Amino acid sequence: MNTPGKPKPSRNQRHWLLVALAVALVGVLIMVFGYW
């Protein structure tokens, strides 16, 4: 699926950036709720 021969996977990069951001947000929320 993800081939390094592609010139500019901008859409994929943006998608994975959003996914990473959401995962980080959920992790922070879980940490906060687990701490309290």
PDB file of N, CA and C in Angstrom:
ATOM      1  N   MET A   1       0.841  -1.207   0.000  1.00  0.00           N
ATOM      2  CA  MET A   1       0.000   0.000   0.000  1.00  0.00           C
ATOM      3  C   MET A   1       0.877   1.260   0.000  1.00  0.00           C
ATOM      4  N   ASN A   2       1.675   1.433   1.016  1.00  0.00           N
ATOM      5  CA  ASN A   2       2.519   2.627   1.116  1.00  0.00           C
ATOM      6  C   ASN A   2       3.853   2.362   0.445  1.00  0.00           C
ATOM      7  N   THR A   3       4.041   2.929  -0.749  1.00  0.00           N
ATOM      8  CA  THR A   3       5.285   2.714  -1.489  1.00  0.00           C
ATOM      9  C   THR A   3       6.161   3.953  -1.402  1.00  0.00           C
ATOM     10  N   PRO A   4       7.456   3.772  -1.142  1.00  0.00           N
ATOM     11  CA  PRO A   4       8.365   4.923  -1.028  1.00  0.00           C
ATOM     12  C   PRO A   4       8.652   5.573  -2.376  1.00  0.00           C
ATOM     13  N   GLY A   5       8.176   4.992  -3.473  1.00  0.00           N
ATOM     14  CA  GLY A   5       8.435   5.559  -4.795  1.00  0.00           C
ATOM     15  C   GLY A   5       7.472   6.682  -5.147  1.00  0.00           C
ATOM     16  N   LYS A   6       6.449   6.889  -4.309  1.00  0.00           N
ATOM     17  CA  LYS A   6       5.488   7.958  -4.606  1.00  0.00           C
ATOM     18  C   LYS A   6       6.135   9.321  -4.398  1.00  0.00           C
ATOM     19  N   PRO A   7       5.781  10.316  -5.237  1.00  0.00           N
ATOM     20  CA  PRO A   7       6.403  11.640  -5.146  1.00  0.00           C
ATOM     21  C   PRO A   7       5.944  12.435  -3.932  1.00  0.00           C
ATOM     22  N   LYS A   8       4.621  12.562  -3.758  1.00  0.00           N
ATOM     23  CA  LYS A   8       4.133  13.386  -2.645  1.00  0.00           C
ATOM     24  C   LYS A   8       2.858  12.793  -2.044  1.00  0.00           C
ATOM     25  N   PRO A   9       2.975  11.974  -1.004  1.00  0.00           N
ATOM     26  CA  PRO A   9       1.788  11.444  -0.317  1.00  0.00           C
ATOM     27  C   PRO A   9       1.269  12.458   0.700  1.00  0.00           C
ATOM     28  N   SER A  10       0.862  13.635   0.194  1.00  0.00           N
ATOM     29  CA  SER A  10       0.424  14.696   1.100  1.00  0.00           C
ATOM     30  C   SER A  10      -0.867  14.292   1.812  1.00  0.00           C
ATOM     31  N   ARG A  11      -1.791  13.682   1.070  1.00  0.00           N
ATOM     32  CA  ARG A  11      -3.063  13.304   1.681  1.00  0.00           C
ATOM     33  C   ARG A  11      -2.831  12.253   2.766  1.00  0.00           C
ATOM     34  N   ASN A  12      -1.962  11.273   2.455  1.00  0.00           N
ATOM     35  CA  ASN A  12      -1.657  10.241   3.449  1.00  0.00           C
ATOM     36  C   ASN A  12      -0.984  10.861   4.668  1.00  0.00           C
ATOM     37  N   GLN A  13      -0.045  11.779   4.424  1.00  0.00           N
ATOM     38  CA  GLN A  13       0.655  12.410   5.537  1.00  0.00           C
ATOM     39  C   GLN A  13      -0.332  13.162   6.424  1.00  0.00           C
ATOM     40  N   ARG A  14      -1.241  13.905   5.811  1.00  0.00           N
ATOM     41  CA  ARG A  14      -2.217  14.669   6.596  1.00  0.00           C
ATOM     42  C   ARG A  14      -3.118  13.718   7.371  1.00  0.00           C
ATOM     43  N   HIS A  15      -3.537  12.631   6.707  1.00  0.00           N
ATOM     44  CA  HIS A  15      -4.426  11.667   7.352  1.00  0.00           C
ATOM     45  C   HIS A  15      -3.742  11.059   8.572  1.00  0.00           C
ATOM     46  N   TRP A  16      -2.496  10.617   8.392  1.00  0.00           N
ATOM     47  CA  TRP A  16      -1.801   9.980   9.522  1.00  0.00           C
ATOM     48  C   TRP A  16      -1.478  11.005  10.594  1.00  0.00           C
ATOM     49  N   LEU A  17      -1.282  12.262  10.208  1.00  0.00           N
ATOM     50  CA  LEU A  17      -1.034  13.297  11.206  1.00  0.00           C
ATOM     51  C   LEU A  17      -2.273  13.472  12.086  1.00  0.00           C
ATOM     52  N   LEU A  18      -3.454  13.512  11.439  1.00  0.00           N
ATOM     53  CA  LEU A  18      -4.692  13.634  12.201  1.00  0.00           C
ATOM     54  C   LEU A  18      -4.889  12.420  13.092  1.00  0.00           C
ATOM     55  N   VAL A  19      -4.591  11.230  12.555  1.00  0.00           N
ATOM     56  CA  VAL A  19      -4.753  10.003  13.349  1.00  0.00           C
ATOM     57  C   VAL A  19      -3.825  10.043  14.563  1.00  0.00           C
ATOM     58  N   ALA A  20      -2.572  10.446  14.348  1.00  0.00           N
ATOM     59  CA  ALA A  20      -1.622  10.511  15.462  1.00  0.00           C
ATOM     60  C   ALA A  20      -2.082  11.544  16.495  1.00  0.00           C
ATOM     61  N   LEU A  21      -2.605  12.667  16.026  1.00  0.00           N
ATOM     62  CA  LEU A  21      -3.079  13.704  16.932  1.00  0.00           C
ATOM     63  C   LEU A  21      -4.248  13.187  17.771  1.00  0.00           C
ATOM     64  N   ALA A  22      -5.191  12.493  17.115  1.00  0.00           N
ATOM     65  CA  ALA A  22      -6.347  11.951  17.834  1.00  0.00           C
ATOM     66  C   ALA A  22      -5.897  10.916  18.859  1.00  0.00           C
ATOM     67  N   VAL A  23      -4.958  10.055  18.467  1.00  0.00           N
ATOM     68  CA  VAL A  23      -4.472   9.026  19.397  1.00  0.00           C
ATOM     69  C   VAL A  23      -3.786   9.677  20.594  1.00  0.00           C
ATOM     70  N   ALA A  24      -2.999  10.716  20.337  1.00  0.00           N
ATOM     71  CA  ALA A  24      -2.319  11.410  21.430  1.00  0.00           C
ATOM     72  C   ALA A  24      -3.344  12.069  22.349  1.00  0.00           C
ATOM     73  N   LEU A  25      -4.368  12.666  21.773  1.00  0.00           N
ATOM     74  CA  LEU A  25      -5.398  13.321  22.573  1.00  0.00           C
ATOM     75  C   LEU A  25      -6.110  12.307  23.458  1.00  0.00           C
ATOM     76  N   VAL A  26      -6.479  11.164  22.866  1.00  0.00           N
ATOM     77  CA  VAL A  26      -7.159  10.116  23.638  1.00  0.00           C
ATOM     78  C   VAL A  26      -6.240   9.605  24.746  1.00  0.00           C
ATOM     79  N   GLY A  27      -4.957   9.441  24.429  1.00  0.00           N
ATOM     80  CA  GLY A  27      -4.017   8.969  25.446  1.00  0.00           C
ATOM     81  C   GLY A  27      -3.916   9.957  26.603  1.00  0.00           C
ATOM     82  N   VAL A  28      -3.865  11.242  26.288  1.00  0.00           N
ATOM     83  CA  VAL A  28      -3.788  12.257  27.343  1.00  0.00           C
ATOM     84  C   VAL A  28      -5.060  12.237  28.186  1.00  0.00           C
ATOM     85  N   LEU A  29      -6.210  12.126  27.526  1.00  0.00           N
ATOM     86  CA  LEU A  29      -7.471  12.077  28.266  1.00  0.00           C
ATOM     87  C   LEU A  29      -7.503  10.868  29.186  1.00  0.00           C
ATOM     88  N   ILE A  30      -7.066   9.703  28.676  1.00  0.00           N
ATOM     89  CA  ILE A  30      -7.057   8.485  29.499  1.00  0.00           C
ATOM     90  C   ILE A  30      -6.105   8.670  30.682  1.00  0.00           C
ATOM     91  N   MET A  31      -4.950   9.296  30.435  1.00  0.00           N
ATOM     92  CA  MET A  31      -3.995   9.529  31.525  1.00  0.00           C
ATOM     93  C   MET A  31      -4.603  10.459  32.575  1.00  0.00           C
ATOM     94  N   VAL A  32      -5.259  11.525  32.111  1.00  0.00           N
ATOM     95  CA  VAL A  32      -5.849  12.491  33.052  1.00  0.00           C
ATOM     96  C   VAL A  32      -6.959  11.833  33.863  1.00  0.00           C
ATOM     97  N   PHE A  33      -7.847  11.102  33.172  1.00  0.00           N
ATOM     98  CA  PHE A  33      -8.960  10.473  33.884  1.00  0.00           C
ATOM     99  C   PHE A  33      -8.462   9.345  34.778  1.00  0.00           C
ATOM    100  N   GLY A  34      -7.367   8.691  34.381  1.00  0.00           N
ATOM    101  CA  GLY A  34      -6.812   7.625  35.213  1.00  0.00           C
ATOM    102  C   GLY A  34      -6.125   8.205  36.443  1.00  0.00           C
ATOM    103  N   TYR A  35      -5.559   9.405  36.294  1.00  0.00           N
ATOM    104  CA  TYR A  35      -4.868  10.044  37.418  1.00  0.00           C
ATOM    105  C   TYR A  35      -5.874  10.564  38.442  1.00  0.00           C
ATOM    106  N   TRP A  36      -6.940  11.170  37.953  1.00  0.00           N
ATOM    107  CA  TRP A  36      -7.939  11.719  38.869  1.00  0.00           C
ATOM    108  C   TRP A  36      -8.767  10.628  39.492  1.00  0.00           C
TER     109      TRP A  36
END
